[in-house]
Amino acid sequence: MVERTNRIAEEMKREISSIIQNQLKDPRLPEFVSITAVNVTRDLRYAKIYVSVLGTEEQKKEALQVLKNASGFIRREVGRKIQIRYTPELQFELDDSIEHGIYMSKLIDQTVKNTGNREE
């Protein structure tokens, strides 16, 4: 059962990414919006979609609002492309893990650079 929900989650991730890139024409949506993960409940009623947005805090909030407003359209398109009995209700959430990773990488680079300066 878990394997099936994982398979559906991966398929939904692929399809939702494609829909956002190719079919959503909202000018408020930044160019760099990526789906980092999709978690589907075991009963396939709900799907939590984690979205990473490159931009300011305001752009992130606006992008999340655009996606929430377009969730009915996105859900309908997913239902057409994935053959499952019930298309899950979509819930979008911001995922800051990519930005957190970039921040941590900068800190590590800075530490390595500072350590190198001390040894000389």
PDB file of N, CA and C in Angstrom:
ATOM      1  N   MET A   1       0.834  -1.202   0.000  1.00  0.00           N
ATOM      2  CA  MET A   1       0.000   0.000   0.000  1.00  0.00           C
ATOM      3  C   MET A   1       0.872   1.256   0.000  1.00  0.00           C
ATOM      4  N   VAL A   2       1.923   1.248   0.818  1.00  0.00           N
ATOM      5  CA  VAL A   2       2.817   2.401   0.903  1.00  0.00           C
ATOM      6  C   VAL A   2       3.508   2.624  -0.438  1.00  0.00           C
ATOM      7  N   GLU A   3       3.896   1.532  -1.077  1.00  0.00           N
ATOM      8  CA  GLU A   3       4.561   1.635  -2.381  1.00  0.00           C
ATOM      9  C   GLU A   3       3.637   2.297  -3.408  1.00  0.00           C
ATOM     10  N   ARG A   4       2.363   1.958  -3.364  1.00  0.00           N
ATOM     11  CA  ARG A   4       1.394   2.543  -4.302  1.00  0.00           C
ATOM     12  C   ARG A   4       1.240   4.048  -4.071  1.00  0.00           C
ATOM     13  N   THR A   5       1.118   4.480  -2.809  1.00  0.00           N
ATOM     14  CA  THR A   5       0.981   5.913  -2.541  1.00  0.00           C
ATOM     15  C   THR A   5       2.253   6.667  -2.929  1.00  0.00           C
ATOM     16  N   ASN A   6       3.422   6.044  -2.733  1.00  0.00           N
ATOM     17  CA  ASN A   6       4.675   6.670  -3.164  1.00  0.00           C
ATOM     18  C   ASN A   6       4.725   6.824  -4.679  1.00  0.00           C
ATOM     19  N   ARG A   7       4.277   5.809  -5.381  1.00  0.00           N
ATOM     20  CA  ARG A   7       4.251   5.848  -6.854  1.00  0.00           C
ATOM     21  C   ARG A   7       3.312   6.953  -7.335  1.00  0.00           C
ATOM     22  N   ILE A   8       2.143   7.036  -6.714  1.00  0.00           N
ATOM     23  CA  ILE A   8       1.171   8.076  -7.083  1.00  0.00           C
ATOM     24  C   ILE A   8       1.734   9.458  -6.752  1.00  0.00           C
ATOM     25  N   ALA A   9       2.390   9.594  -5.602  1.00  0.00           N
ATOM     26  CA  ALA A   9       2.979  10.877  -5.207  1.00  0.00           C
ATOM     27  C   ALA A   9       4.038  11.321  -6.209  1.00  0.00           C
ATOM     28  N   GLU A  10       4.883  10.397  -6.658  1.00  0.00           N
ATOM     29  CA  GLU A  10       5.921  10.741  -7.646  1.00  0.00           C
ATOM     30  C   GLU A  10       5.302  11.147  -8.979  1.00  0.00           C
ATOM     31  N   GLU A  11       4.291  10.413  -9.388  1.00  0.00           N
ATOM     32  CA  GLU A  11       3.605  10.738 -10.645  1.00  0.00           C
ATOM     33  C   GLU A  11       2.936  12.109 -10.546  1.00  0.00           C
ATOM     34  N   MET A  12       2.310  12.382  -9.406  1.00  0.00           N
ATOM     35  CA  MET A  12       1.673  13.687  -9.203  1.00  0.00           C
ATOM     36  C   MET A  12       2.713  14.805  -9.210  1.00  0.00           C
ATOM     37  N   LYS A  13       3.856  14.561  -8.588  1.00  0.00           N
ATOM     38  CA  LYS A  13       4.927  15.556  -8.564  1.00  0.00           C
ATOM     39  C   LYS A  13       5.340  15.917  -9.990  1.00  0.00           C
ATOM     40  N   ARG A  14       5.522  14.906 -10.816  1.00  0.00           N
ATOM     41  CA  ARG A  14       5.920  15.115 -12.208  1.00  0.00           C
ATOM     42  C   ARG A  14       4.846  15.890 -12.973  1.00  0.00           C
ATOM     43  N   GLU A  15       3.601  15.492 -12.823  1.00  0.00           N
ATOM     44  CA  GLU A  15       2.508  16.131 -13.554  1.00  0.00           C
ATOM     45  C   GLU A  15       2.262  17.566 -13.088  1.00  0.00           C
ATOM     46  N   ILE A  16       2.277  17.794 -11.777  1.00  0.00           N
ATOM     47  CA  ILE A  16       2.038  19.145 -11.250  1.00  0.00           C
ATOM     48  C   ILE A  16       3.156  20.086 -11.690  1.00  0.00           C
ATOM     49  N   SER A  17       4.391  19.603 -11.679  1.00  0.00           N
ATOM     50  CA  SER A  17       5.513  20.420 -12.162  1.00  0.00           C
ATOM     51  C   SER A  17       5.293  20.823 -13.610  1.00  0.00           C
ATOM     52  N   SER A  18       4.881  19.863 -14.411  1.00  0.00           N
ATOM     53  CA  SER A  18       4.624  20.129 -15.831  1.00  0.00           C
ATOM     54  C   SER A  18       3.491  21.136 -16.010  1.00  0.00           C
ATOM     55  N   ILE A  19       2.425  20.988 -15.249  1.00  0.00           N
ATOM     56  CA  ILE A  19       1.276  21.899 -15.343  1.00  0.00           C
ATOM     57  C   ILE A  19       1.692  23.318 -14.959  1.00  0.00           C
ATOM     58  N   ILE A  20       2.450  23.452 -13.872  1.00  0.00           N
ATOM     59  CA  ILE A  20       2.879  24.785 -13.420  1.00  0.00           C
ATOM     60  C   ILE A  20       3.776  25.439 -14.468  1.00  0.00           C
ATOM     61  N   GLN A  21       4.696  24.669 -15.041  1.00  0.00           N
ATOM     62  CA  GLN A  21       5.628  25.233 -16.024  1.00  0.00           C
ATOM     63  C   GLN A  21       4.956  25.555 -17.353  1.00  0.00           C
ATOM     64  N   ASN A  22       4.033  24.717 -17.797  1.00  0.00           N
ATOM     65  CA  ASN A  22       3.514  24.833 -19.159  1.00  0.00           C
ATOM     66  C   ASN A  22       2.099  25.378 -19.297  1.00  0.00           C
ATOM     67  N   GLN A  23       1.281  25.260 -18.257  1.00  0.00           N
ATOM     68  CA  GLN A  23      -0.121  25.617 -18.428  1.00  0.00           C
ATOM     69  C   GLN A  23      -0.594  26.796 -17.583  1.00  0.00           C
ATOM     70  N   LEU A  24       0.055  27.063 -16.461  1.00  0.00           N
ATOM     71  CA  LEU A  24      -0.348  28.213 -15.645  1.00  0.00           C
ATOM     72  C   LEU A  24       0.248  29.479 -16.243  1.00  0.00           C
ATOM     73  N   LYS A  25      -0.594  30.406 -16.590  1.00  0.00           N
ATOM     74  CA  LYS A  25      -0.139  31.627 -17.259  1.00  0.00           C
ATOM     75  C   LYS A  25      -0.296  32.863 -16.379  1.00  0.00           C
ATOM     76  N   ASP A  26      -0.220  32.708 -15.078  1.00  0.00           N
ATOM     77  CA  ASP A  26      -0.381  33.840 -14.174  1.00  0.00           C
ATOM     78  C   ASP A  26       0.922  34.633 -14.094  1.00  0.00           C
ATOM     79  N   PRO A  27       0.889  35.933 -14.397  1.00  0.00           N
ATOM     80  CA  PRO A  27       2.127  36.733 -14.370  1.00  0.00           C
ATOM     81  C   PRO A  27       2.705  36.916 -12.960  1.00  0.00           C
ATOM     82  N   ARG A  28       1.905  36.667 -11.928  1.00  0.00           N
ATOM     83  CA  ARG A  28       2.400  36.793 -10.550  1.00  0.00           C
ATOM     84  C   ARG A  28       3.263  35.615 -10.141  1.00  0.00           C
ATOM     85  N   LEU A  29       3.256  34.560 -10.933  1.00  0.00           N
ATOM     86  CA  LEU A  29       4.022  33.356 -10.617  1.00  0.00           C
ATOM     87  C   LEU A  29       5.462  33.517 -11.098  1.00  0.00           C
ATOM     88  N   PRO A  30       6.441  33.471 -10.177  1.00  0.00           N
ATOM     89  CA  PRO A  30       7.843  33.607 -10.592  1.00  0.00           C
ATOM     90  C   PRO A  30       8.270  32.460 -11.515  1.00  0.00           C
ATOM     91  N   GLU A  31       9.368  32.694 -12.240  1.00  0.00           N
ATOM     92  CA  GLU A  31       9.854  31.682 -13.174  1.00  0.00           C
ATOM     93  C   GLU A  31      10.358  30.435 -12.458  1.00  0.00           C
ATOM     94  N   PHE A  32      10.995  30.633 -11.311  1.00  0.00           N
ATOM     95  CA  PHE A  32      11.608  29.513 -10.609  1.00  0.00           C
ATOM     96  C   PHE A  32      10.723  28.996  -9.485  1.00  0.00           C
ATOM     97  N   VAL A  33       9.762  28.179  -9.874  1.00  0.00           N
ATOM     98  CA  VAL A  33       8.885  27.507  -8.919  1.00  0.00           C
ATOM     99  C   VAL A  33       9.099  26.023  -9.137  1.00  0.00           C
ATOM    100  N   SER A  34       9.472  25.314  -8.077  1.00  0.00           N
ATOM    101  CA  SER A  34       9.679  23.882  -8.241  1.00  0.00           C
ATOM    102  C   SER A  34       8.968  23.107  -7.142  1.00  0.00           C
ATOM    103  N   ILE A  35       8.515  21.945  -7.517  1.00  0.00           N
ATOM    104  CA  ILE A  35       7.851  21.047  -6.573  1.00  0.00           C
ATOM    105  C   ILE A  35       8.940  20.180  -5.960  1.00  0.00           C
ATOM    106  N   THR A  36       9.135  20.296  -4.640  1.00  0.00           N
ATOM    107  CA  THR A  36      10.195  19.528  -3.997  1.00  0.00           C
ATOM    108  C   THR A  36       9.709  18.171  -3.508  1.00  0.00           C
ATOM    109  N   ALA A  37       8.441  18.093  -3.129  1.00  0.00           N
ATOM    110  CA  ALA A  37       7.915  16.817  -2.634  1.00  0.00           C
ATOM    111  C   ALA A  37       6.390  16.828  -2.683  1.00  0.00           C
ATOM    112  N   VAL A  38       5.826  15.632  -2.756  1.00  0.00           N
ATOM    113  CA  VAL A  38       4.380  15.458  -2.669  1.00  0.00           C
ATOM    114  C   VAL A  38       4.126  14.312  -1.691  1.00  0.00           C
ATOM    115  N   ASN A  39       3.310  14.573  -0.684  1.00  0.00           N
ATOM    116  CA  ASN A  39       2.908  13.534   0.268  1.00  0.00           C
ATOM    117  C   ASN A  39       1.419  13.285   0.093  1.00  0.00           C
ATOM    118  N   VAL A  40       1.076  12.039  -0.168  1.00  0.00           N
ATOM    119  CA  VAL A  40      -0.322  11.663  -0.365  1.00  0.00           C
ATOM    120  C   VAL A  40      -0.767  10.819   0.826  1.00  0.00           C
ATOM    121  N   THR A  41      -1.966  11.126   1.344  1.00  0.00           N
ATOM    122  CA  THR A  41      -2.484  10.312   2.449  1.00  0.00           C
ATOM    123  C   THR A  41      -2.792   8.911   1.943  1.00  0.00           C
ATOM    124  N   ARG A  42      -2.849   7.955   2.862  1.00  0.00           N
ATOM    125  CA  ARG A  42      -3.058   6.559   2.450  1.00  0.00           C
ATOM    126  C   ARG A  42      -4.408   6.334   1.774  1.00  0.00           C
ATOM    127  N   ASP A  43      -5.413   7.127   2.173  1.00  0.00           N
ATOM    128  CA  ASP A  43      -6.725   6.966   1.538  1.00  0.00           C
ATOM    129  C   ASP A  43      -6.830   7.753   0.224  1.00  0.00           C
ATOM    130  N   LEU A  44      -5.737   8.402  -0.174  1.00  0.00           N
ATOM    131  CA  LEU A  44      -5.646   9.164  -1.435  1.00  0.00           C
ATOM    132  C   LEU A  44      -6.635  10.326  -1.508  1.00  0.00           C
ATOM    133  N   ARG A  45      -7.046  10.848  -0.375  1.00  0.00           N
ATOM    134  CA  ARG A  45      -7.993  11.971  -0.360  1.00  0.00           C
ATOM    135  C   ARG A  45      -7.280  13.322  -0.399  1.00  0.00           C
ATOM    136  N   TYR A  46      -6.087  13.386   0.182  1.00  0.00           N
ATOM    137  CA  TYR A  46      -5.368  14.660   0.251  1.00  0.00           C
ATOM    138  C   TYR A  46      -3.927  14.478  -0.201  1.00  0.00           C
ATOM    139  N   ALA A  47      -3.411  15.528  -0.830  1.00  0.00           N
ATOM    140  CA  ALA A  47      -2.003  15.540  -1.224  1.00  0.00           C
ATOM    141  C   ALA A  47      -1.412  16.870  -0.783  1.00  0.00           C
ATOM    142  N   LYS A  48      -0.334  16.803  -0.033  1.00  0.00           N
ATOM    143  CA  LYS A  48       0.367  18.008   0.394  1.00  0.00           C
ATOM    144  C   LYS A  48       1.530  18.209  -0.570  1.00  0.00           C
ATOM    145  N   ILE A  49       1.525  19.357  -1.252  1.00  0.00           N
ATOM    146  CA  ILE A  49       2.541  19.651  -2.254  1.00  0.00           C
ATOM    147  C   ILE A  49       3.478  20.704  -1.683  1.00  0.00           C
ATOM    148  N   TYR A  50       4.756  20.351  -1.584  1.00  0.00           N
ATOM    149  CA  TYR A  50       5.760  21.278  -1.073  1.00  0.00           C
ATOM    150  C   TYR A  50       6.405  22.002  -2.251  1.00  0.00           C
ATOM    151  N   VAL A  51       6.362  23.335  -2.194  1.00  0.00           N
ATOM    152  CA  VAL A  51       6.796  24.172  -3.304  1.00  0.00           C
ATOM    153  C   VAL A  51       7.972  25.042  -2.864  1.00  0.00           C
ATOM    154  N   SER A  52       9.000  25.091  -3.695  1.00  0.00           N
ATOM    155  CA  SER A  52      10.131  25.979  -3.451  1.00  0.00           C
ATOM    156  C   SER A  52      10.064  27.106  -4.474  1.00  0.00           C
ATOM    157  N   VAL A  53      10.145  28.345  -3.989  1.00  0.00           N
ATOM    158  CA  VAL A  53      10.054  29.519  -4.854  1.00  0.00           C
ATOM    159  C   VAL A  53      11.308  30.351  -4.651  1.00  0.00           C
ATOM    160  N   LEU A  54      11.982  30.676  -5.748  1.00  0.00           N
ATOM    161  CA  LEU A  54      13.160  31.521  -5.672  1.00  0.00           C
ATOM    162  C   LEU A  54      12.720  32.972  -5.794  1.00  0.00           C
ATOM    163  N   GLY A  55      12.953  33.755  -4.763  1.00  0.00           N
ATOM    164  CA  GLY A  55      12.546  35.148  -4.790  1.00  0.00           C
ATOM    165  C   GLY A  55      12.413  35.717  -3.391  1.00  0.00           C
ATOM    166  N   THR A  56      11.821  36.901  -3.308  1.00  0.00           N
ATOM    167  CA  THR A  56      11.642  37.564  -2.022  1.00  0.00           C
ATOM    168  C   THR A  56      10.499  36.903  -1.250  1.00  0.00           C
ATOM    169  N   GLU A  57      10.380  37.276   0.017  1.00  0.00           N
ATOM    170  CA  GLU A  57       9.288  36.739   0.843  1.00  0.00           C
ATOM    171  C   GLU A  57       7.929  37.076   0.230  1.00  0.00           C
ATOM    172  N   GLU A  58       7.811  38.292  -0.294  1.00  0.00           N
ATOM    173  CA  GLU A  58       6.556  38.730  -0.918  1.00  0.00           C
ATOM    174  C   GLU A  58       6.230  37.876  -2.143  1.00  0.00           C
ATOM    175  N   GLN A  59       7.248  37.593  -2.961  1.00  0.00           N
ATOM    176  CA  GLN A  59       7.047  36.755  -4.149  1.00  0.00           C
ATOM    177  C   GLN A  59       6.643  35.340  -3.756  1.00  0.00           C
ATOM    178  N   LYS A  60       7.224  34.839  -2.680  1.00  0.00           N
ATOM    179  CA  LYS A  60       6.888  33.494  -2.213  1.00  0.00           C
ATOM    180  C   LYS A  60       5.431  33.419  -1.776  1.00  0.00           C
ATOM    181  N   LYS A  61       5.005  34.405  -0.980  1.00  0.00           N
ATOM    182  CA  LYS A  61       3.617  34.424  -0.506  1.00  0.00           C
ATOM    183  C   LYS A  61       2.648  34.543  -1.668  1.00  0.00           C
ATOM    184  N   GLU A  62       2.991  35.407  -2.628  1.00  0.00           N
ATOM    185  CA  GLU A  62       2.125  35.607  -3.781  1.00  0.00           C
ATOM    186  C   GLU A  62       2.050  34.343  -4.637  1.00  0.00           C
ATOM    187  N   ALA A  63       3.192  33.682  -4.832  1.00  0.00           N
ATOM    188  CA  ALA A  63       3.222  32.445  -5.616  1.00  0.00           C
ATOM    189  C   ALA A  63       2.379  31.371  -4.944  1.00  0.00           C
ATOM    190  N   LEU A  64       2.476  31.276  -3.627  1.00  0.00           N
ATOM    191  CA  LEU A  64       1.686  30.289  -2.883  1.00  0.00           C
ATOM    192  C   LEU A  64       0.196  30.581  -3.035  1.00  0.00           C
ATOM    193  N   GLN A  65      -0.175  31.860  -2.989  1.00  0.00           N
ATOM    194  CA  GLN A  65      -1.574  32.250  -3.155  1.00  0.00           C
ATOM    195  C   GLN A  65      -2.069  31.923  -4.559  1.00  0.00           C
ATOM    196  N   VAL A  66      -1.231  32.169  -5.575  1.00  0.00           N
ATOM    197  CA  VAL A  66      -1.590  31.838  -6.961  1.00  0.00           C
ATOM    198  C   VAL A  66      -1.840  30.340  -7.092  1.00  0.00           C
ATOM    199  N   LEU A  67      -0.953  29.535  -6.506  1.00  0.00           N
ATOM    200  CA  LEU A  67      -1.103  28.081  -6.589  1.00  0.00           C
ATOM    201  C   LEU A  67      -2.350  27.604  -5.856  1.00  0.00           C
ATOM    202  N   LYS A  68      -2.631  28.211  -4.704  1.00  0.00           N
ATOM    203  CA  LYS A  68      -3.844  27.832  -3.963  1.00  0.00           C
ATOM    204  C   LYS A  68      -5.092  28.187  -4.776  1.00  0.00           C
ATOM    205  N   ASN A  69      -5.075  29.351  -5.425  1.00  0.00           N
ATOM    206  CA  ASN A  69      -6.216  29.755  -6.255  1.00  0.00           C
ATOM    207  C   ASN A  69      -6.377  28.847  -7.471  1.00  0.00           C
ATOM    208  N   ALA A  70      -5.255  28.346  -7.991  1.00  0.00           N
ATOM    209  CA  ALA A  70      -5.300  27.500  -9.190  1.00  0.00           C
ATOM    210  C   ALA A  70      -5.411  26.019  -8.852  1.00  0.00           C
ATOM    211  N   SER A  71      -5.559  25.686  -7.577  1.00  0.00           N
ATOM    212  CA  SER A  71      -5.546  24.273  -7.181  1.00  0.00           C
ATOM    213  C   SER A  71      -6.668  23.462  -7.833  1.00  0.00           C
ATOM    214  N   GLY A  72      -7.829  24.074  -8.041  1.00  0.00           N
ATOM    215  CA  GLY A  72      -8.927  23.358  -8.715  1.00  0.00           C
ATOM    216  C   GLY A  72      -8.556  22.996 -10.145  1.00  0.00           C
ATOM    217  N   PHE A  73      -7.970  23.951 -10.864  1.00  0.00           N
ATOM    218  CA  PHE A  73      -7.519  23.703 -12.240  1.00  0.00           C
ATOM    219  C   PHE A  73      -6.426  22.631 -12.256  1.00  0.00           C
ATOM    220  N   ILE A  74      -5.449  22.772 -11.356  1.00  0.00           N
ATOM    221  CA  ILE A  74      -4.338  21.813 -11.312  1.00  0.00           C
ATOM    222  C   ILE A  74      -4.860  20.421 -10.982  1.00  0.00           C
ATOM    223  N   ARG A  75      -5.788  20.338 -10.032  1.00  0.00           N
ATOM    224  CA  ARG A  75      -6.359  19.044  -9.646  1.00  0.00           C
ATOM    225  C   ARG A  75      -7.092  18.390 -10.817  1.00  0.00           C
ATOM    226  N   ARG A  76      -7.856  19.195 -11.559  1.00  0.00           N
ATOM    227  CA  ARG A  76      -8.578  18.669 -12.718  1.00  0.00           C
ATOM    228  C   ARG A  76      -7.609  18.127 -13.776  1.00  0.00           C
ATOM    229  N   GLU A  77      -6.537  18.882 -14.026  1.00  0.00           N
ATOM    230  CA  GLU A  77      -5.542  18.448 -15.011  1.00  0.00           C
ATOM    231  C   GLU A  77      -4.825  17.172 -14.558  1.00  0.00           C
ATOM    232  N   VAL A  78      -4.495  17.100 -13.270  1.00  0.00           N
ATOM    233  CA  VAL A  78      -3.859  15.891 -12.733  1.00  0.00           C
ATOM    234  C   VAL A  78      -4.809  14.701 -12.897  1.00  0.00           C
ATOM    235  N   GLY A  79      -6.089  14.925 -12.617  1.00  0.00           N
ATOM    236  CA  GLY A  79      -7.089  13.866 -12.764  1.00  0.00           C
ATOM    237  C   GLY A  79      -7.196  13.346 -14.186  1.00  0.00           C
ATOM    238  N   ARG A  80      -6.992  14.235 -15.147  1.00  0.00           N
ATOM    239  CA  ARG A  80      -7.032  13.806 -16.559  1.00  0.00           C
ATOM    240  C   ARG A  80      -5.819  12.970 -16.937  1.00  0.00           C
ATOM    241  N   LYS A  81      -4.678  13.304 -16.344  1.00  0.00           N
ATOM    242  CA  LYS A  81      -3.423  12.664 -16.758  1.00  0.00           C
ATOM    243  C   LYS A  81      -3.092  11.400 -15.974  1.00  0.00           C
ATOM    244  N   ILE A  82      -3.535  11.336 -14.718  1.00  0.00           N
ATOM    245  CA  ILE A  82      -3.261  10.153 -13.892  1.00  0.00           C
ATOM    246  C   ILE A  82      -4.574   9.395 -13.711  1.00  0.00           C
ATOM    247  N   GLN A  83      -4.562   8.141 -14.058  1.00  0.00           N
ATOM    248  CA  GLN A  83      -5.775   7.335 -13.982  1.00  0.00           C
ATOM    249  C   GLN A  83      -5.923   6.697 -12.599  1.00  0.00           C
ATOM    250  N   ILE A  84      -6.532   7.455 -11.677  1.00  0.00           N
ATOM    251  CA  ILE A  84      -6.870   6.906 -10.367  1.00  0.00           C
ATOM    252  C   ILE A  84      -8.330   7.242 -10.096  1.00  0.00           C
ATOM    253  N   ARG A  85      -8.944   6.459  -9.247  1.00  0.00           N
ATOM    254  CA  ARG A  85     -10.371   6.606  -8.998  1.00  0.00           C
ATOM    255  C   ARG A  85     -10.721   7.980  -8.439  1.00  0.00           C
ATOM    256  N   TYR A  86      -9.894   8.461  -7.511  1.00  0.00           N
ATOM    257  CA  TYR A  86     -10.189   9.735  -6.857  1.00  0.00           C
ATOM    258  C   TYR A  86      -8.944  10.608  -6.911  1.00  0.00           C
ATOM    259  N   THR A  87      -9.088  11.810  -7.433  1.00  0.00           N
ATOM    260  CA  THR A  87      -7.959  12.740  -7.466  1.00  0.00           C
ATOM    261  C   THR A  87      -7.892  13.466  -6.128  1.00  0.00           C
ATOM    262  N   PRO A  88      -6.749  13.397  -5.460  1.00  0.00           N
ATOM    263  CA  PRO A  88      -6.640  14.002  -4.120  1.00  0.00           C
ATOM    264  C   PRO A  88      -6.850  15.516  -4.118  1.00  0.00           C
ATOM    265  N   GLU A  89      -7.331  16.004  -2.998  1.00  0.00           N
ATOM    266  CA  GLU A  89      -7.448  17.447  -2.747  1.00  0.00           C
ATOM    267  C   GLU A  89      -6.027  17.978  -2.551  1.00  0.00           C
ATOM    268  N   LEU A  90      -5.680  19.066  -3.236  1.00  0.00           N
ATOM    269  CA  LEU A  90      -4.315  19.580  -3.200  1.00  0.00           C
ATOM    270  C   LEU A  90      -4.150  20.660  -2.140  1.00  0.00           C
ATOM    271  N   GLN A  91      -3.088  20.551  -1.354  1.00  0.00           N
ATOM    272  CA  GLN A  91      -2.744  21.552  -0.344  1.00  0.00           C
ATOM    273  C   GLN A  91      -1.300  21.974  -0.591  1.00  0.00           C
ATOM    274  N   PHE A  92      -1.107  23.243  -0.924  1.00  0.00           N
ATOM    275  CA  PHE A  92       0.233  23.742  -1.227  1.00  0.00           C
ATOM    276  C   PHE A  92       0.879  24.343   0.016  1.00  0.00           C
ATOM    277  N   GLU A  93       2.173  24.042   0.201  1.00  0.00           N
ATOM    278  CA  GLU A  93       2.933  24.594   1.318  1.00  0.00           C
ATOM    279  C   GLU A  93       4.310  25.002   0.828  1.00  0.00           C
ATOM    280  N   LEU A  94       4.844  26.093   1.396  1.00  0.00           N
ATOM    281  CA  LEU A  94       6.187  26.538   1.033  1.00  0.00           C
ATOM    282  C   LEU A  94       7.235  25.615   1.636  1.00  0.00           C
ATOM    283  N   ASP A  95       8.267  25.336   0.865  1.00  0.00           N
ATOM    284  CA  ASP A  95       9.379  24.512   1.324  1.00  0.00           C
ATOM    285  C   ASP A  95      10.654  25.334   1.183  1.00  0.00           C
ATOM    286  N   ASP A  96      11.268  25.659   2.298  1.00  0.00           N
ATOM    287  CA  ASP A  96      12.481  26.483   2.281  1.00  0.00           C
ATOM    288  C   ASP A  96      13.755  25.642   2.328  1.00  0.00           C
ATOM    289  N   SER A  97      13.653  24.342   2.099  1.00  0.00           N
ATOM    290  CA  SER A  97      14.824  23.472   2.258  1.00  0.00           C
ATOM    291  C   SER A  97      15.932  23.798   1.259  1.00  0.00           C
ATOM    292  N   ILE A  98      15.593  24.186   0.032  1.00  0.00           N
ATOM    293  CA  ILE A  98      16.619  24.503  -0.953  1.00  0.00           C
ATOM    294  C   ILE A  98      17.370  25.761  -0.521  1.00  0.00           C
ATOM    295  N   GLU A  99      16.633  26.789  -0.119  1.00  0.00           N
ATOM    296  CA  GLU A  99      17.277  28.019   0.345  1.00  0.00           C
ATOM    297  C   GLU A  99      18.096  27.763   1.601  1.00  0.00           C
ATOM    298  N   HIS A 100      17.586  26.912   2.482  1.00  0.00           N
ATOM    299  CA  HIS A 100      18.327  26.573   3.696  1.00  0.00           C
ATOM    300  C   HIS A 100      19.633  25.868   3.319  1.00  0.00           C
ATOM    301  N   GLY A 101      19.575  24.991   2.335  1.00  0.00           N
ATOM    302  CA  GLY A 101      20.769  24.292   1.854  1.00  0.00           C
ATOM    303  C   GLY A 101      21.789  25.256   1.266  1.00  0.00           C
ATOM    304  N   ILE A 102      21.324  26.238   0.500  1.00  0.00           N
ATOM    305  CA  ILE A 102      22.220  27.245  -0.076  1.00  0.00           C
ATOM    306  C   ILE A 102      22.880  28.050   1.041  1.00  0.00           C
ATOM    307  N   TYR A 103      22.088  28.438   2.033  1.00  0.00           N
ATOM    308  CA  TYR A 103      22.608  29.193   3.173  1.00  0.00           C
ATOM    309  C   TYR A 103      23.673  28.384   3.914  1.00  0.00           C
ATOM    310  N   MET A 104      23.389  27.108   4.178  1.00  0.00           N
ATOM    311  CA  MET A 104      24.350  26.251   4.878  1.00  0.00           C
ATOM    312  C   MET A 104      25.621  26.085   4.052  1.00  0.00           C
ATOM    313  N   SER A 105      25.481  25.937   2.756  1.00  0.00           N
ATOM    314  CA  SER A 105      26.633  25.801   1.871  1.00  0.00           C
ATOM    315  C   SER A 105      27.521  27.047   1.929  1.00  0.00           C
ATOM    316  N   LYS A 106      26.885  28.227   1.953  1.00  0.00           N
ATOM    317  CA  LYS A 106      27.647  29.475   2.064  1.00  0.00           C
ATOM    318  C   LYS A 106      28.399  29.539   3.386  1.00  0.00           C
ATOM    319  N   LEU A 107      27.736  29.128   4.470  1.00  0.00           N
ATOM    320  CA  LEU A 107      28.390  29.123   5.781  1.00  0.00           C
ATOM    321  C   LEU A 107      29.595  28.184   5.790  1.00  0.00           C
ATOM    322  N   ILE A 108      29.438  27.019   5.198  1.00  0.00           N
ATOM    323  CA  ILE A 108      30.542  26.054   5.141  1.00  0.00           C
ATOM    324  C   ILE A 108      31.695  26.629   4.324  1.00  0.00           C
ATOM    325  N   ASP A 109      31.379  27.208   3.153  1.00  0.00           N
ATOM    326  CA  ASP A 109      32.425  27.806   2.314  1.00  0.00           C
ATOM    327  C   ASP A 109      33.151  28.915   3.066  1.00  0.00           C
ATOM    328  N   GLN A 110      32.400  29.727   3.783  1.00  0.00           N
ATOM    329  CA  GLN A 110      32.978  30.833   4.544  1.00  0.00           C
ATOM    330  C   GLN A 110      33.898  30.304   5.653  1.00  0.00           C
ATOM    331  N   THR A 111      33.459  29.265   6.333  1.00  0.00           N
ATOM    332  CA  THR A 111      34.252  28.663   7.402  1.00  0.00           C
ATOM    333  C   THR A 111      35.540  28.062   6.848  1.00  0.00           C
ATOM    334  N   VAL A 112      35.440  27.356   5.741  1.00  0.00           N
ATOM    335  CA  VAL A 112      36.612  26.752   5.115  1.00  0.00           C
ATOM    336  C   VAL A 112      37.596  27.845   4.682  1.00  0.00           C
ATOM    337  N   LYS A 113      37.074  28.916   4.118  1.00  0.00           N
ATOM    338  CA  LYS A 113      37.911  30.035   3.671  1.00  0.00           C
ATOM    339  C   LYS A 113      38.618  30.682   4.864  1.00  0.00           C
ATOM    340  N   ASN A 114      37.886  30.913   5.959  1.00  0.00           N
ATOM    341  CA  ASN A 114      38.467  31.516   7.159  1.00  0.00           C
ATOM    342  C   ASN A 114      39.499  30.602   7.804  1.00  0.00           C
ATOM    343  N   THR A 115      39.261  29.310   7.813  1.00  0.00           N
ATOM    344  CA  THR A 115      40.196  28.340   8.378  1.00  0.00           C
ATOM    345  C   THR A 115      41.474  28.318   7.556  1.00  0.00           C
ATOM    346  N   GLY A 116      41.342  28.420   6.240  1.00  0.00           N
ATOM    347  CA  GLY A 116      42.498  28.438   5.350  1.00  0.00           C
ATOM    348  C   GLY A 116      43.365  29.663   5.589  1.00  0.00           C
ATOM    349  N   ASN A 117      42.762  30.811   5.887  1.00  0.00           N
ATOM    350  CA  ASN A 117      43.507  32.037   6.142  1.00  0.00           C
ATOM    351  C   ASN A 117      44.313  31.955   7.437  1.00  0.00           C
ATOM    352  N   ARG A 118      43.818  31.259   8.436  1.00  0.00           N
ATOM    353  CA  ARG A 118      44.497  31.159   9.737  1.00  0.00           C
ATOM    354  C   ARG A 118      45.752  30.296   9.660  1.00  0.00           C
ATOM    355  N   GLU A 119      45.723  29.282   8.806  1.00  0.00           N
ATOM    356  CA  GLU A 119      46.845  28.337   8.730  1.00  0.00           C
ATOM    357  C   GLU A 119      48.064  28.941   8.067  1.00  0.00           C
ATOM    358  N   GLU A 120      47.889  30.033   7.334  1.00  0.00           N
ATOM    359  CA  GLU A 120      49.016  30.615   6.605  1.00  0.00           C
ATOM    360  C   GLU A 120      49.932  31.418   7.466  1.00  0.00           C
TER     361      GLU A 120
END
